[in-house]
Protein backbone atom coordinates (compact mmCIF):
# COMPACT_ATOMS: atom_id res chain seq x y z
CA MET A 1 8.61 -19.84 1.99
CA ALA A 2 5.19 -19.48 0.50
CA TYR A 3 4.30 -22.23 -2.23
CA LYS A 4 2.68 -19.24 -4.15
CA PRO A 5 4.33 -16.05 -3.63
CA ARG A 6 2.52 -12.74 -3.44
CA VAL A 7 3.07 -10.24 -6.39
CA GLU A 8 1.63 -6.85 -6.93
CA THR A 9 -1.36 -6.88 -9.29
CA GLY A 10 -1.19 -5.31 -12.67
CA GLU A 11 -3.86 -2.84 -11.49
CA LEU A 12 -1.68 -1.82 -8.55
CA LEU A 13 1.52 -1.46 -10.81
CA ILE A 14 -0.39 0.69 -13.27
CA LEU A 15 -1.82 2.91 -10.64
CA ARG A 16 1.68 3.44 -9.12
CA ILE A 17 2.69 4.91 -12.46
CA LEU A 18 -0.30 6.95 -13.10
CA ASN A 19 0.00 8.42 -9.62
CA LYS A 20 3.34 10.01 -10.39
CA ARG A 21 2.87 10.82 -14.09
CA MET A 22 -0.57 12.31 -14.23
CA ASN A 23 -3.11 14.33 -11.90
CA LEU A 24 -5.41 11.63 -10.33
CA THR A 25 -8.75 13.04 -8.89
CA THR A 26 -9.33 12.84 -5.29
CA GLU A 27 -11.38 9.71 -5.59
CA GLU A 28 -8.73 8.06 -7.91
CA GLN A 29 -6.11 8.87 -5.25
CA LEU A 30 -8.11 7.30 -2.65
CA HIS A 31 -8.67 4.15 -4.49
CA TYR A 32 -4.90 3.90 -5.32
CA LYS A 33 -3.74 4.60 -1.73
CA ASN A 34 -6.42 1.85 -0.40
CA LYS A 35 -4.80 -0.59 -3.01
CA GLU A 36 -1.42 0.20 -1.87
CA LYS A 37 -2.24 -0.03 1.85
CA GLY A 38 -4.08 -3.38 1.37
CA PHE A 39 -1.02 -4.72 -0.27
CA GLU A 40 1.24 -3.52 2.59
CA GLY A 41 -0.94 -5.11 5.09
CA GLU A 42 -0.82 -8.42 2.99
CA VAL A 43 3.13 -8.34 2.77
CA GLU A 44 3.30 -7.69 6.50
CA PHE A 45 1.27 -10.86 7.21
CA ASP A 46 3.45 -12.84 4.87
CA LEU A 47 6.54 -11.86 6.93
CA LEU A 48 4.98 -13.54 9.79
CA THR A 49 3.75 -16.75 7.72
CA GLU A 50 7.26 -17.02 6.58
CA LYS A 51 8.34 -17.91 9.96
CA LEU A 52 5.94 -20.90 10.36
CA GLN A 53 7.61 -24.26 11.23
CA CYS A 54 4.87 -26.55 10.56
CA GLU A 55 4.12 -28.58 7.40
CA CYS A 56 1.64 -26.53 5.24
CA PHE A 57 1.46 -25.09 1.82
CA ILE A 58 1.02 -21.37 1.80
CA LEU A 59 -0.73 -19.98 -1.28
CA ASN A 60 -0.75 -16.22 -1.43
CA ASP A 61 -3.38 -14.08 -3.47
CA LEU A 62 -5.56 -16.66 -5.23
CA LEU A 63 -8.06 -15.44 -7.69
CA LEU A 64 -10.31 -18.50 -8.50
CA GLU A 65 -13.65 -19.22 -10.19
CA VAL A 66 -16.34 -21.73 -9.61
CA ASN A 67 -19.70 -22.05 -11.17
CA ASN A 68 -19.15 -18.86 -13.24
CA SER A 69 -18.34 -16.76 -10.04
CA LYS A 70 -15.08 -15.37 -9.05
CA PHE A 71 -13.69 -15.28 -5.61
CA GLN A 72 -10.32 -14.05 -4.03
CA ILE A 73 -8.27 -15.30 -1.07
CA ASP A 74 -5.47 -13.29 0.44
CA THR A 75 -3.87 -16.12 2.01
CA THR A 76 -4.67 -19.85 1.94
CA PHE A 77 -3.04 -22.48 4.38
CA ILE A 78 -3.19 -26.28 3.30
CA PHE A 79 -2.83 -28.25 6.47
CA GLN A 80 -3.07 -32.21 6.57
CA GLU A 81 -6.81 -32.15 7.69
CA THR A 82 -7.77 -28.49 7.22
CA ILE A 83 -7.82 -25.56 4.58
CA TYR A 84 -7.49 -22.19 6.25
CA PRO A 85 -8.15 -19.11 4.24
CA CYS A 86 -7.46 -15.74 5.62
CA GLU A 87 -8.88 -12.25 4.68
CA ILE A 88 -6.13 -9.56 5.47
CA LYS A 89 -7.53 -6.08 6.31
CA ASN A 90 -5.19 -3.20 6.77
CA TYR A 91 -8.02 -0.85 8.18
CA GLU A 92 -7.00 2.08 10.33
CA GLY A 93 -8.96 3.98 13.08
CA ASP A 94 -12.00 3.32 15.26
CA PHE A 95 -14.79 1.11 13.85
CA ILE A 96 -18.28 -0.02 15.18
CA PHE A 97 -19.20 -3.53 14.20
CA LYS A 98 -22.73 -3.80 12.64
CA PRO A 99 -24.14 -7.22 11.51
CA ASP A 100 -24.13 -5.99 7.84
CA ARG A 101 -21.05 -3.74 7.84
CA LEU A 102 -18.22 -2.02 9.75
CA GLU A 103 -19.06 1.61 10.35
CA ARG A 104 -16.23 3.84 10.79
CA ILE A 105 -16.82 6.51 13.59
CA SER A 106 -15.79 9.23 11.34
CA GLY A 107 -18.81 8.20 9.06
CA LYS A 108 -17.81 5.94 6.27
CA ASP A 109 -19.13 2.36 5.89
CA TYR A 110 -17.18 -0.66 4.92
CA LYS A 111 -18.40 -4.13 3.86
CA ASN A 112 -18.25 -6.52 6.68
CA PRO A 113 -15.17 -8.83 5.96
CA LEU A 114 -16.83 -11.72 7.88
CA ASP A 115 -19.58 -11.82 5.15
CA GLN A 116 -16.54 -11.89 2.54
CA LEU A 117 -14.98 -14.80 4.49
CA LYS A 118 -18.26 -16.71 4.58
CA ARG A 119 -18.64 -16.41 0.81
CA THR A 120 -15.21 -17.30 0.28
CA LYS A 121 -15.51 -20.43 2.32
CA PHE A 122 -18.85 -21.42 0.56
CA MET A 123 -17.16 -20.87 -2.90
CA LEU A 124 -13.87 -22.77 -1.92
CA ARG A 125 -15.94 -25.72 -0.65
CA GLN A 126 -17.75 -25.90 -3.89
CA LEU A 127 -14.44 -25.79 -5.88
CA LEU A 128 -12.86 -28.41 -3.80
CA GLN A 129 -15.86 -30.81 -4.22
CA ASN A 130 -15.61 -30.29 -7.92
CA LEU A 131 -11.98 -31.30 -7.66
CA GLY A 132 -12.88 -34.37 -5.39
CA TYR A 133 -11.61 -33.00 -2.12
CA ASN A 134 -13.67 -33.18 1.10
CA ILE A 135 -11.50 -31.23 3.36
CA PRO A 136 -12.72 -28.98 6.53
CA ILE A 137 -12.49 -25.28 5.88
CA GLU A 138 -11.94 -22.93 8.66
CA GLY A 139 -10.59 -19.44 8.09
CA THR A 140 -10.33 -15.88 9.84
CA VAL A 141 -10.30 -12.39 9.12
CA VAL A 142 -7.07 -10.54 10.23
CA PHE A 143 -6.85 -7.06 11.06
CA ILE A 144 -3.10 -6.51 10.67
CA ASN A 145 -2.97 -2.76 11.55
CA PRO A 146 -2.06 -1.96 15.15
CA GLU A 147 -3.99 1.38 14.88
CA PHE A 148 -7.35 -0.36 14.33
CA THR A 149 -9.88 -0.71 16.85
CA LEU A 150 -13.33 -2.60 16.50
CA TYR A 151 -16.14 -1.76 18.91
CA GLN A 152 -18.88 -4.14 19.81
CA ALA A 153 -17.65 -7.06 17.83
CA PRO A 154 -18.89 -10.53 18.86
CA LEU A 155 -16.46 -12.61 20.79
CA ASN A 156 -17.31 -15.82 18.84
CA GLU A 157 -16.43 -14.49 15.32
CA PRO A 158 -13.29 -15.70 13.61
CA ILE A 159 -11.30 -12.44 14.02
CA VAL A 160 -7.67 -11.89 14.71
CA TYR A 161 -6.45 -8.33 15.92
CA HIS A 162 -2.76 -7.11 15.72
CA SER A 163 -2.34 -7.96 19.32
CA GLN A 164 -3.21 -11.52 18.60
CA LEU A 165 -1.08 -12.20 15.69
CA ASN A 166 1.70 -13.81 17.83
CA GLN A 167 -0.69 -16.06 19.44
CA PHE A 168 -2.36 -16.79 16.10
CA MET A 169 1.05 -17.80 14.49
CA LYS A 170 1.59 -20.33 17.48
CA LYS A 171 -1.93 -21.80 17.03
CA LEU A 172 -1.14 -22.37 13.33
CA ASP A 173 2.39 -23.90 14.19
CA MET A 174 0.56 -26.33 16.65
CA GLN A 175 -1.56 -27.71 13.91
CA PRO A 176 -0.80 -31.39 13.53
CA SER A 177 0.13 -31.71 9.93
CA LYS A 178 1.80 -34.24 7.68
CA LEU A 179 1.63 -33.42 4.03
CA THR A 180 1.33 -35.92 1.33
CA SER A 181 1.31 -35.92 -2.52
CA ARG A 182 -2.23 -35.49 -2.56
CA HIS A 183 -1.92 -32.12 -0.58
CA LYS A 184 0.76 -31.13 -3.14
CA LYS A 185 -1.65 -32.20 -6.05
CA LEU A 186 -4.15 -29.87 -4.53
CA ALA A 187 -1.77 -27.00 -4.07
CA ASP A 188 -0.68 -27.24 -7.61
CA LYS A 189 -4.20 -27.36 -8.80
CA LEU A 190 -5.22 -24.44 -7.21
CA VAL A 191 -2.24 -22.38 -8.26
CA SER A 192 -3.01 -23.68 -11.88
CA LEU A 193 -6.44 -22.39 -11.47
CA HIS A 194 -5.31 -18.85 -10.26
CA GLN A 195 -6.51 -16.13 -12.68
CA ILE A 196 -3.97 -13.30 -13.19
CA GLU A 197 -6.49 -10.65 -14.40
CA SER A 198 -8.78 -9.54 -11.84
CA PRO A 199 -12.54 -8.66 -12.74
CA TYR A 200 -12.42 -6.07 -10.03
CA ARG A 201 -9.84 -3.86 -11.71
CA ARG A 202 -10.46 -0.23 -11.54
CA LEU A 203 -8.41 2.07 -13.66
CA PRO A 204 -8.78 5.87 -14.41
CA PRO A 205 -8.90 6.55 -18.13
CA TYR A 206 -5.44 7.72 -19.36
CA LYS A 207 -3.62 8.72 -22.52
CA TYR A 208 0.12 8.87 -23.57
CA THR A 209 -0.09 12.39 -24.08
CA GLN A 210 -1.37 12.92 -20.41
CA MET A 211 1.61 11.38 -18.99
CA ARG A 212 4.37 13.44 -17.45
CA LYS A 213 7.62 12.36 -19.31
CA GLY A 214 10.85 11.89 -17.42
CA MET A 215 12.94 9.21 -15.67
CA THR A 216 12.01 8.95 -11.90
CA CYS A 217 13.84 7.79 -9.04
CA ILE A 218 13.28 4.21 -8.06
CA THR A 219 13.08 5.13 -4.43
CA CYS A 220 11.40 8.20 -4.10
CA ASN A 221 9.59 8.75 -7.52
CA SER A 222 11.42 12.14 -7.84
CA PHE A 223 11.74 13.36 -11.52
CA LYS A 224 15.02 15.16 -10.65
CA ILE A 225 17.38 12.49 -12.10
CA THR A 226 20.82 13.29 -13.54
CA VAL A 227 23.34 11.10 -15.47
CA PRO A 228 26.78 12.34 -14.28
CA THR A 229 29.27 12.60 -17.39
CA GLY A 230 30.71 9.31 -18.08
CA ALA A 231 29.01 7.45 -15.46
CA ARG A 232 26.88 4.25 -16.01
CA LYS A 233 24.33 5.30 -13.48
CA VAL A 234 21.79 7.82 -12.83
CA VAL A 235 21.49 9.78 -9.46
CA CYS A 236 18.35 11.22 -7.78
CA ASP A 237 18.99 14.88 -6.82
CA ASP A 238 16.31 14.70 -4.03
CA CYS A 239 17.18 11.34 -2.09
CA GLY A 240 20.68 10.58 -3.52
CA CYS A 241 19.60 7.15 -4.80
CA GLU A 242 21.76 5.69 -7.28
CA GLU A 243 20.66 3.14 -10.07
CA GLY A 244 22.42 1.53 -12.95
CA PHE A 245 21.71 3.59 -16.17
CA GLU A 246 20.71 0.49 -18.19
CA SER A 247 18.69 -0.65 -15.35
CA ALA A 248 16.81 2.49 -15.13
CA VAL A 249 16.17 2.74 -18.68
CA LEU A 250 14.65 -0.86 -18.82
CA ARG A 251 12.59 -0.11 -15.78
CA ASN A 252 11.10 2.80 -17.86
CA VAL A 253 10.57 0.65 -20.94
CA GLU A 254 8.48 -1.82 -18.59
CA GLU A 255 6.29 1.25 -17.61
CA ILE A 256 5.56 1.86 -21.28
CA LYS A 257 4.79 -1.68 -21.91
CA LEU A 258 2.46 -2.05 -18.98
CA LEU A 259 0.61 1.22 -19.60
CA PHE A 260 0.49 0.99 -23.42
CA PRO A 261 0.85 -2.64 -24.32
CA ASP A 262 -0.21 -1.93 -27.95
CA LYS A 263 2.56 0.69 -28.59
CA LYS A 264 5.68 -0.30 -30.43
CA ILE A 265 8.73 0.08 -28.39
CA THR A 266 11.13 2.32 -30.32
CA THR A 267 14.33 4.26 -29.58
CA ASN A 268 12.62 7.49 -29.98
CA LEU A 269 9.51 6.40 -27.90
CA VAL A 270 11.92 5.44 -24.93
CA PHE A 271 14.03 8.55 -25.19
CA GLU A 272 11.01 10.77 -25.14
CA TRP A 273 9.59 8.73 -22.12
CA CYS A 274 12.81 9.08 -20.17
CA GLY A 275 12.66 12.80 -20.70
CA VAL A 276 15.86 13.06 -22.83
CA VAL A 277 18.01 11.45 -20.15
CA GLY A 278 21.08 10.05 -21.85
CA SER A 279 21.35 9.78 -25.51
CA LYS A 280 19.36 7.93 -28.22
CA LYS A 281 22.52 6.04 -28.99
CA THR A 282 22.80 4.64 -25.53
CA ILE A 283 19.21 3.77 -25.28
CA LYS A 284 19.28 1.96 -28.63
CA LYS A 285 22.24 -0.03 -27.27
CA PHE A 286 20.32 -1.11 -24.25
CA LEU A 287 17.31 -2.06 -26.27
CA MET A 288 19.24 -4.23 -28.54
CA LYS A 289 20.92 -5.98 -25.72
CA ASN A 290 17.76 -6.75 -23.88
CA TYR A 291 15.18 -7.07 -26.60
CA ARG A 292 14.65 -8.76 -29.99
CA SER A 293 14.51 -6.08 -32.78
CA ASN A 294 11.87 -6.07 -35.67
CA GLY A 295 11.82 -4.01 -38.72
CA LYS A 296 14.85 -2.06 -40.46
CA LYS A 297 16.27 1.29 -39.82
CA LYS A 298 13.77 4.07 -38.72
CA TYR A 299 11.06 1.39 -38.53
CA THR A 300 12.91 -0.75 -36.01
CA TYR A 301 11.00 -1.61 -32.94
CA TYR A 302 11.79 -3.95 -29.91
CA ILE A 303 9.88 -6.86 -28.37
């Protein structure tokens, strides 16, 4: 199990909501899909690292800062004698390796992730030195997608392709490693230094009035949600998914809080957001049960 688990960033969570509740431009949709695809690739890599039997600390998705410069590491392994950062790329299609970039045969250029890895190693080394650690840093770029092909790539670069993943995991598992309290102290320190808010966050402008109102399916995001008479669940008419009514309401409350942190959560607001699914009385009951109320009567809001 990872010492620091991976979670969706606030940016990705907001983009998911915006994608279903407003009309994103083509560029905004592409940005969202790239974020989603990148996260899927990282999660796929996590499924492999969870099977490792060797002694190591696995820190997922670190955002760190040293000398006023921020850097991000998708996955970091702490072994006895080595720290091993990995950059995970979920690119798909045919690419040509260039010294300063990856060139997609269809025409679009991408930053060379090897440059990103070099910067990461440099910044991490500085940070470790500041913390009093002198541990060798290795690292690799992992192309996780089986539909990815890279032409003309040098053989001596730290690159792992999908077909090499099992071999790579065996290599990690064979690392001679015996962790001590000093390694745990380092892992705890890196986790404590992790910054939740990314400076690379890119969100389209949005307003409450732009949002499509209505409760959505937790599985397929459909707005075709009904509440059977007397039932304590909501049902999606598209995919048939069922969800507890209270759980569905609370999920929608969290959407509002994430998108509009300055808005006061009131019964009327949640009722409007859910698209008049259920009754105000029921929604008020759920809010009183799960949140702390402030104010009186029509001025009551929940935190």
